[in-house]
């Protein structure tokens, strides 16, 4: 009975040490470089601003559907 308890204790300690080692290896893994942020262009910024402005006008119900008779 004591041999089983001893074997279980040794197995638990071995598993704990193994997971700690894996965690240390994962922390020291080389980091993947992030892509560089693209520069902001005036044309792109102007286009996004126009889209946001149109959405705001639509939400305020500035545009109406033509009345069909």
PDB file of N, CA and C in Angstrom:
ATOM      1  N   UNK A   1       0.825  -1.192   0.000  1.00  0.00           N
ATOM      2  CA  UNK A   1       0.000   0.000   0.000  1.00  0.00           C
ATOM      3  C   UNK A   1       0.870   1.258   0.000  1.00  0.00           C
ATOM      4  N   UNK A   2       1.950   1.235   0.778  1.00  0.00           N
ATOM      5  CA  UNK A   2       2.820   2.415   0.832  1.00  0.00           C
ATOM      6  C   UNK A   2       3.562   2.620  -0.473  1.00  0.00           C
ATOM      7  N   UNK A   3       3.866   1.522  -1.186  1.00  0.00           N
ATOM      8  CA  UNK A   3       4.540   1.665  -2.482  1.00  0.00           C
ATOM      9  C   UNK A   3       3.637   2.392  -3.484  1.00  0.00           C
ATOM     10  N   UNK A   4       2.316   2.120  -3.420  1.00  0.00           N
ATOM     11  CA  UNK A   4       1.382   2.792  -4.322  1.00  0.00           C
ATOM     12  C   UNK A   4       1.304   4.288  -4.005  1.00  0.00           C
ATOM     13  N   UNK A   5       1.280   4.607  -2.718  1.00  0.00           N
ATOM     14  CA  UNK A   5       1.230   6.013  -2.320  1.00  0.00           C
ATOM     15  C   UNK A   5       2.496   6.740  -2.722  1.00  0.00           C
ATOM     16  N   UNK A   6       3.624   6.080  -2.537  1.00  0.00           N
ATOM     17  CA  UNK A   6       4.905   6.670  -2.905  1.00  0.00           C
ATOM     18  C   UNK A   6       4.986   6.873  -4.420  1.00  0.00           C
ATOM     19  N   UNK A   7       4.528   5.872  -5.192  1.00  0.00           N
ATOM     20  CA  UNK A   7       4.552   5.980  -6.648  1.00  0.00           C
ATOM     21  C   UNK A   7       3.627   7.117  -7.117  1.00  0.00           C
ATOM     22  N   UNK A   8       2.474   7.264  -6.481  1.00  0.00           N
ATOM     23  CA  UNK A   8       1.546   8.330  -6.852  1.00  0.00           C
ATOM     24  C   UNK A   8       2.139   9.695  -6.528  1.00  0.00           C
ATOM     25  N   UNK A   9       2.801   9.800  -5.378  1.00  0.00           N
ATOM     26  CA  UNK A   9       3.418  11.065  -4.989  1.00  0.00           C
ATOM     27  C   UNK A   9       4.542  11.437  -5.945  1.00  0.00           C
ATOM     28  N   UNK A  10       5.367  10.479  -6.303  1.00  0.00           N
ATOM     29  CA  UNK A  10       6.475  10.725  -7.232  1.00  0.00           C
ATOM     30  C   UNK A  10       5.932  11.118  -8.605  1.00  0.00           C
ATOM     31  N   UNK A  11       4.867  10.446  -9.063  1.00  0.00           N
ATOM     32  CA  UNK A  11       4.271  10.768 -10.360  1.00  0.00           C
ATOM     33  C   UNK A  11       3.687  12.182 -10.349  1.00  0.00           C
ATOM     34  N   UNK A  12       3.052  12.566  -9.245  1.00  0.00           N
ATOM     35  CA  UNK A  12       2.478  13.909  -9.141  1.00  0.00           C
ATOM     36  C   UNK A  12       3.567  14.972  -9.163  1.00  0.00           C
ATOM     37  N   UNK A  13       4.638  14.745  -8.441  1.00  0.00           N
ATOM     38  CA  UNK A  13       5.750  15.705  -8.406  1.00  0.00           C
ATOM     39  C   UNK A  13       6.411  15.808  -9.783  1.00  0.00           C
ATOM     40  N   UNK A  14       6.584  14.679 -10.446  1.00  0.00           N
ATOM     41  CA  UNK A  14       7.194  14.672 -11.774  1.00  0.00           C
ATOM     42  C   UNK A  14       6.319  15.440 -12.773  1.00  0.00           C
ATOM     43  N   UNK A  15       5.003  15.221 -12.704  1.00  0.00           N
ATOM     44  CA  UNK A  15       4.088  15.930 -13.605  1.00  0.00           C
ATOM     45  C   UNK A  15       4.117  17.431 -13.319  1.00  0.00           C
ATOM     46  N   UNK A  16       4.180  17.812 -12.055  1.00  0.00           N
ATOM     47  CA  UNK A  16       4.230  19.231 -11.694  1.00  0.00           C
ATOM     48  C   UNK A  16       5.498  19.886 -12.226  1.00  0.00           C
ATOM     49  N   UNK A  17       6.620  19.217 -12.051  1.00  0.00           N
ATOM     50  CA  UNK A  17       7.900  19.755 -12.540  1.00  0.00           C
ATOM     51  C   UNK A  17       7.872  19.881 -14.067  1.00  0.00           C
ATOM     52  N   UNK A  18       7.294  18.884 -14.728  1.00  0.00           N
ATOM     53  CA  UNK A  18       7.227  18.916 -16.185  1.00  0.00           C
ATOM     54  C   UNK A  18       6.382  20.099 -16.670  1.00  0.00           C
ATOM     55  N   UNK A  19       5.242  20.343 -16.029  1.00  0.00           N
ATOM     56  CA  UNK A  19       4.411  21.476 -16.453  1.00  0.00           C
ATOM     57  C   UNK A  19       5.105  22.803 -16.179  1.00  0.00           C
ATOM     58  N   UNK A  20       5.851  22.893 -15.089  1.00  0.00           N
ATOM     59  CA  UNK A  20       6.603  24.122 -14.808  1.00  0.00           C
ATOM     60  C   UNK A  20       7.668  24.360 -15.876  1.00  0.00           C
ATOM     61  N   UNK A  21       8.362  23.299 -16.275  1.00  0.00           N
ATOM     62  CA  UNK A  21       9.385  23.436 -17.302  1.00  0.00           C
ATOM     63  C   UNK A  21       8.761  23.866 -18.637  1.00  0.00           C
ATOM     64  N   UNK A  22       7.608  23.284 -18.971  1.00  0.00           N
ATOM     65  CA  UNK A  22       6.939  23.660 -20.217  1.00  0.00           C
ATOM     66  C   UNK A  22       6.498  25.128 -20.183  1.00  0.00           C
ATOM     67  N   UNK A  23       6.061  25.588 -19.028  1.00  0.00           N
ATOM     68  CA  UNK A  23       5.650  26.991 -18.905  1.00  0.00           C
ATOM     69  C   UNK A  23       6.839  27.924 -19.097  1.00  0.00           C
ATOM     70  N   UNK A  24       7.975  27.558 -18.541  1.00  0.00           N
ATOM     71  CA  UNK A  24       9.184  28.381 -18.697  1.00  0.00           C
ATOM     72  C   UNK A  24       9.617  28.405 -20.157  1.00  0.00           C
ATOM     73  N   UNK A  25       9.541  27.254 -20.830  1.00  0.00           N
ATOM     74  CA  UNK A  25       9.915  27.200 -22.243  1.00  0.00           C
ATOM     75  C   UNK A  25       8.950  28.025 -23.096  1.00  0.00           C
ATOM     76  N   UNK A  26       7.678  27.992 -22.760  1.00  0.00           N
ATOM     77  CA  UNK A  26       6.699  28.773 -23.515  1.00  0.00           C
ATOM     78  C   UNK A  26       6.933  30.274 -23.333  1.00  0.00           C
ATOM     79  N   UNK A  27       7.340  30.677 -22.140  1.00  0.00           N
ATOM     80  CA  UNK A  27       7.594  32.091 -21.887  1.00  0.00           C
ATOM     81  C   UNK A  27       8.839  32.579 -22.630  1.00  0.00           C
ATOM     82  N   UNK A  28       9.803  31.705 -22.825  1.00  0.00           N
ATOM     83  CA  UNK A  28      11.046  32.109 -23.471  1.00  0.00           C
ATOM     84  C   UNK A  28      11.009  31.893 -24.980  1.00  0.00           C
ATOM     85  N   UNK A  29       9.869  31.464 -25.528  1.00  0.00           N
ATOM     86  CA  UNK A  29       9.756  31.257 -26.972  1.00  0.00           C
ATOM     87  C   UNK A  29       9.882  32.600 -27.681  1.00  0.00           C
ATOM     88  N   UNK A  30      10.454  32.599 -28.873  1.00  0.00           N
ATOM     89  CA  UNK A  30      10.599  33.877 -29.589  1.00  0.00           C
ATOM     90  C   UNK A  30       9.231  34.454 -29.928  1.00  0.00           C
ATOM     91  N   UNK A  31       9.118  35.745 -29.768  1.00  0.00           N
ATOM     92  CA  UNK A  31       7.863  36.438 -30.037  1.00  0.00           C
ATOM     93  C   UNK A  31       7.703  36.654 -31.537  1.00  0.00           C
ATOM     94  N   UNK A  32       6.462  36.576 -32.016  1.00  0.00           N
ATOM     95  CA  UNK A  32       6.176  36.818 -33.421  1.00  0.00           C
ATOM     96  C   UNK A  32       6.068  38.337 -33.615  1.00  0.00           C
ATOM     97  N   UNK A  33       6.841  38.885 -34.533  1.00  0.00           N
ATOM     98  CA  UNK A  33       6.792  40.341 -34.708  1.00  0.00           C
ATOM     99  C   UNK A  33       5.439  40.779 -35.249  1.00  0.00           C
ATOM    100  N   UNK A  34       4.934  41.899 -34.722  1.00  0.00           N
ATOM    101  CA  UNK A  34       3.668  42.447 -35.173  1.00  0.00           C
ATOM    102  C   UNK A  34       3.895  43.253 -36.440  1.00  0.00           C
ATOM    103  N   UNK A  35       2.907  43.246 -37.335  1.00  0.00           N
ATOM    104  CA  UNK A  35       3.074  44.034 -38.566  1.00  0.00           C
ATOM    105  C   UNK A  35       3.089  45.527 -38.252  1.00  0.00           C
ATOM    106  N   UNK A  36       3.824  46.238 -39.050  1.00  0.00           N
ATOM    107  CA  UNK A  36       3.925  47.690 -38.854  1.00  0.00           C
ATOM    108  C   UNK A  36       2.594  48.351 -39.191  1.00  0.00           C
ATOM    109  N   UNK A  37       2.274  49.417 -38.497  1.00  0.00           N
ATOM    110  CA  UNK A  37       1.036  50.148 -38.743  1.00  0.00           C
ATOM    111  C   UNK A  37       1.216  50.986 -40.005  1.00  0.00           C
ATOM    112  N   UNK A  38       0.215  50.911 -40.873  1.00  0.00           N
ATOM    113  CA  UNK A  38       0.296  51.657 -42.119  1.00  0.00           C
ATOM    114  C   UNK A  38       0.123  53.147 -41.851  1.00  0.00           C
ATOM    115  N   UNK A  39       0.787  53.976 -42.621  1.00  0.00           N
ATOM    116  CA  UNK A  39       0.641  55.419 -42.416  1.00  0.00           C
ATOM    117  C   UNK A  39      -0.763  55.883 -42.793  1.00  0.00           C
ATOM    118  N   UNK A  40      -1.237  56.909 -42.126  1.00  0.00           N
ATOM    119  CA  UNK A  40      -2.556  57.463 -42.400  1.00  0.00           C
ATOM    120  C   UNK A  40      -2.448  58.401 -43.596  1.00  0.00           C
ATOM    121  N   UNK A  41      -3.281  58.141 -44.586  1.00  0.00           N
ATOM    122  CA  UNK A  41      -3.278  59.009 -45.776  1.00  0.00           C
ATOM    123  C   UNK A  41      -4.452  59.979 -45.692  1.00  0.00           C
ATOM    124  N   UNK A  42      -4.277  61.138 -46.297  1.00  0.00           N
ATOM    125  CA  UNK A  42      -5.335  62.143 -46.277  1.00  0.00           C
ATOM    126  C   UNK A  42      -6.555  61.699 -47.069  1.00  0.00           C
ATOM    127  N   UNK A  43      -6.322  60.992 -48.196  1.00  0.00           N
ATOM    128  CA  UNK A  43      -7.449  60.535 -48.998  1.00  0.00           C
ATOM    129  C   UNK A  43      -8.270  59.503 -48.230  1.00  0.00           C
ATOM    130  N   UNK A  44      -7.602  58.598 -47.561  1.00  0.00           N
ATOM    131  CA  UNK A  44      -8.309  57.574 -46.789  1.00  0.00           C
ATOM    132  C   UNK A  44      -9.087  58.184 -45.629  1.00  0.00           C
ATOM    133  N   UNK A  45      -8.463  59.131 -44.955  1.00  0.00           N
ATOM    134  CA  UNK A  45      -9.120  59.785 -43.823  1.00  0.00           C
ATOM    135  C   UNK A  45     -10.341  60.576 -44.310  1.00  0.00           C
ATOM    136  N   UNK A  46     -10.217  61.226 -45.446  1.00  0.00           N
ATOM    137  CA  UNK A  46     -11.326  61.993 -46.006  1.00  0.00           C
ATOM    138  C   UNK A  46     -12.489  61.066 -46.381  1.00  0.00           C
ATOM    139  N   UNK A  47     -12.178  59.930 -46.964  1.00  0.00           N
ATOM    140  CA  UNK A  47     -13.224  58.978 -47.351  1.00  0.00           C
ATOM    141  C   UNK A  47     -13.963  58.425 -46.140  1.00  0.00           C
ATOM    142  N   UNK A  48     -13.204  58.081 -45.080  1.00  0.00           N
ATOM    143  CA  UNK A  48     -13.841  57.565 -43.858  1.00  0.00           C
ATOM    144  C   UNK A  48     -14.706  58.632 -43.216  1.00  0.00           C
ATOM    145  N   UNK A  49     -14.256  59.868 -43.248  1.00  0.00           N
ATOM    146  CA  UNK A  49     -15.029  60.961 -42.664  1.00  0.00           C
ATOM    147  C   UNK A  49     -16.335  61.156 -43.436  1.00  0.00           C
ATOM    148  N   UNK A  50     -16.292  61.070 -44.765  1.00  0.00           N
ATOM    149  CA  UNK A  50     -17.495  61.218 -45.578  1.00  0.00           C
ATOM    150  C   UNK A  50     -18.479  60.093 -45.293  1.00  0.00           C
ATOM    151  N   UNK A  51     -17.976  58.869 -45.157  1.00  0.00           N
ATOM    152  CA  UNK A  51     -18.862  57.747 -44.842  1.00  0.00           C
ATOM    153  C   UNK A  51     -19.530  57.935 -43.489  1.00  0.00           C
ATOM    154  N   UNK A  52     -18.774  58.374 -42.494  1.00  0.00           N
ATOM    155  CA  UNK A  52     -19.354  58.589 -41.167  1.00  0.00           C
ATOM    156  C   UNK A  52     -20.390  59.709 -41.206  1.00  0.00           C
ATOM    157  N   UNK A  53     -20.110  60.739 -41.985  1.00  0.00           N
ATOM    158  CA  UNK A  53     -21.050  61.852 -42.090  1.00  0.00           C
ATOM    159  C   UNK A  53     -22.354  61.396 -42.735  1.00  0.00           C
ATOM    160  N   UNK A  54     -22.272  60.596 -43.786  1.00  0.00           N
ATOM    161  CA  UNK A  54     -23.473  60.076 -44.443  1.00  0.00           C
ATOM    162  C   UNK A  54     -24.269  59.170 -43.513  1.00  0.00           C
ATOM    163  N   UNK A  55     -23.589  58.347 -42.744  1.00  0.00           N
ATOM    164  CA  UNK A  55     -24.292  57.492 -41.790  1.00  0.00           C
ATOM    165  C   UNK A  55     -25.019  58.329 -40.748  1.00  0.00           C
ATOM    166  N   UNK A  56     -24.380  59.387 -40.288  1.00  0.00           N
ATOM    167  CA  UNK A  56     -25.034  60.273 -39.322  1.00  0.00           C
ATOM    168  C   UNK A  56     -26.264  60.916 -39.902  1.00  0.00           C
ATOM    169  N   UNK A  57     -26.183  61.352 -41.168  1.00  0.00           N
ATOM    170  CA  UNK A  57     -27.346  61.966 -41.822  1.00  0.00           C
ATOM    171  C   UNK A  57     -28.474  60.951 -41.986  1.00  0.00           C
ATOM    172  N   UNK A  58     -28.124  59.710 -42.291  1.00  0.00           N
ATOM    173  CA  UNK A  58     -29.147  58.676 -42.430  1.00  0.00           C
ATOM    174  C   UNK A  58     -29.805  58.385 -41.087  1.00  0.00           C
ATOM    175  N   UNK A  59     -29.033  58.383 -40.028  1.00  0.00           N
ATOM    176  CA  UNK A  59     -29.605  58.122 -38.709  1.00  0.00           C
ATOM    177  C   UNK A  59     -30.519  59.261 -38.272  1.00  0.00           C
ATOM    178  N   UNK A  60     -30.212  60.479 -38.703  1.00  0.00           N
ATOM    179  CA  UNK A  60     -31.080  61.612 -38.366  1.00  0.00           C
ATOM    180  C   UNK A  60     -32.256  61.719 -39.331  1.00  0.00           C
ATOM    181  N   UNK A  61     -32.331  60.772 -40.268  1.00  0.00           N
ATOM    182  CA  UNK A  61     -33.406  60.708 -41.267  1.00  0.00           C
ATOM    183  C   UNK A  61     -33.465  61.974 -42.110  1.00  0.00           C
ATOM    184  N   UNK A  62     -32.293  62.431 -42.513  1.00  0.00           N
ATOM    185  CA  UNK A  62     -32.222  63.590 -43.395  1.00  0.00           C
ATOM    186  C   UNK A  62     -32.664  63.210 -44.798  1.00  0.00           C
ATOM    187  N   UNK A  63     -32.308  61.981 -45.204  1.00  0.00           N
ATOM    188  CA  UNK A  63     -32.678  61.511 -46.534  1.00  0.00           C
ATOM    189  C   UNK A  63     -34.056  60.863 -46.455  1.00  0.00           C
ATOM    190  N   UNK A  64     -34.899  61.156 -47.443  1.00  0.00           N
ATOM    191  CA  UNK A  64     -36.232  60.568 -47.490  1.00  0.00           C
ATOM    192  C   UNK A  64     -36.376  59.824 -48.800  1.00  0.00           C
ATOM    193  N   UNK A  65     -37.222  58.807 -48.762  1.00  0.00           N
ATOM    194  CA  UNK A  65     -37.513  58.081 -49.983  1.00  0.00           C
ATOM    195  C   UNK A  65     -38.437  58.933 -50.858  1.00  0.00           C
ATOM    196  N   UNK A  66     -38.278  58.822 -52.157  1.00  0.00           N
ATOM    197  CA  UNK A  66     -39.200  59.569 -53.027  1.00  0.00           C
ATOM    198  C   UNK A  66     -40.612  58.989 -52.888  1.00  0.00           C
ATOM    199  N   UNK A  67     -41.579  59.849 -52.910  1.00  0.00           N
ATOM    200  CA  UNK A  67     -42.965  59.417 -52.786  1.00  0.00           C
ATOM    201  C   UNK A  67     -43.459  59.012 -54.158  1.00  0.00           C
ATOM    202  N   UNK A  68     -43.881  57.760 -54.288  1.00  0.00           N
ATOM    203  CA  UNK A  68     -44.392  57.289 -55.573  1.00  0.00           C
ATOM    204  C   UNK A  68     -45.908  57.421 -55.590  1.00  0.00           C
ATOM    205  N   UNK A  69     -46.430  57.959 -56.664  1.00  0.00           N
ATOM    206  CA  UNK A  69     -47.883  58.174 -56.771  1.00  0.00           C
ATOM    207  C   UNK A  69     -48.490  57.355 -57.842  1.00  0.00           C
TER     208      UNK A  69
END
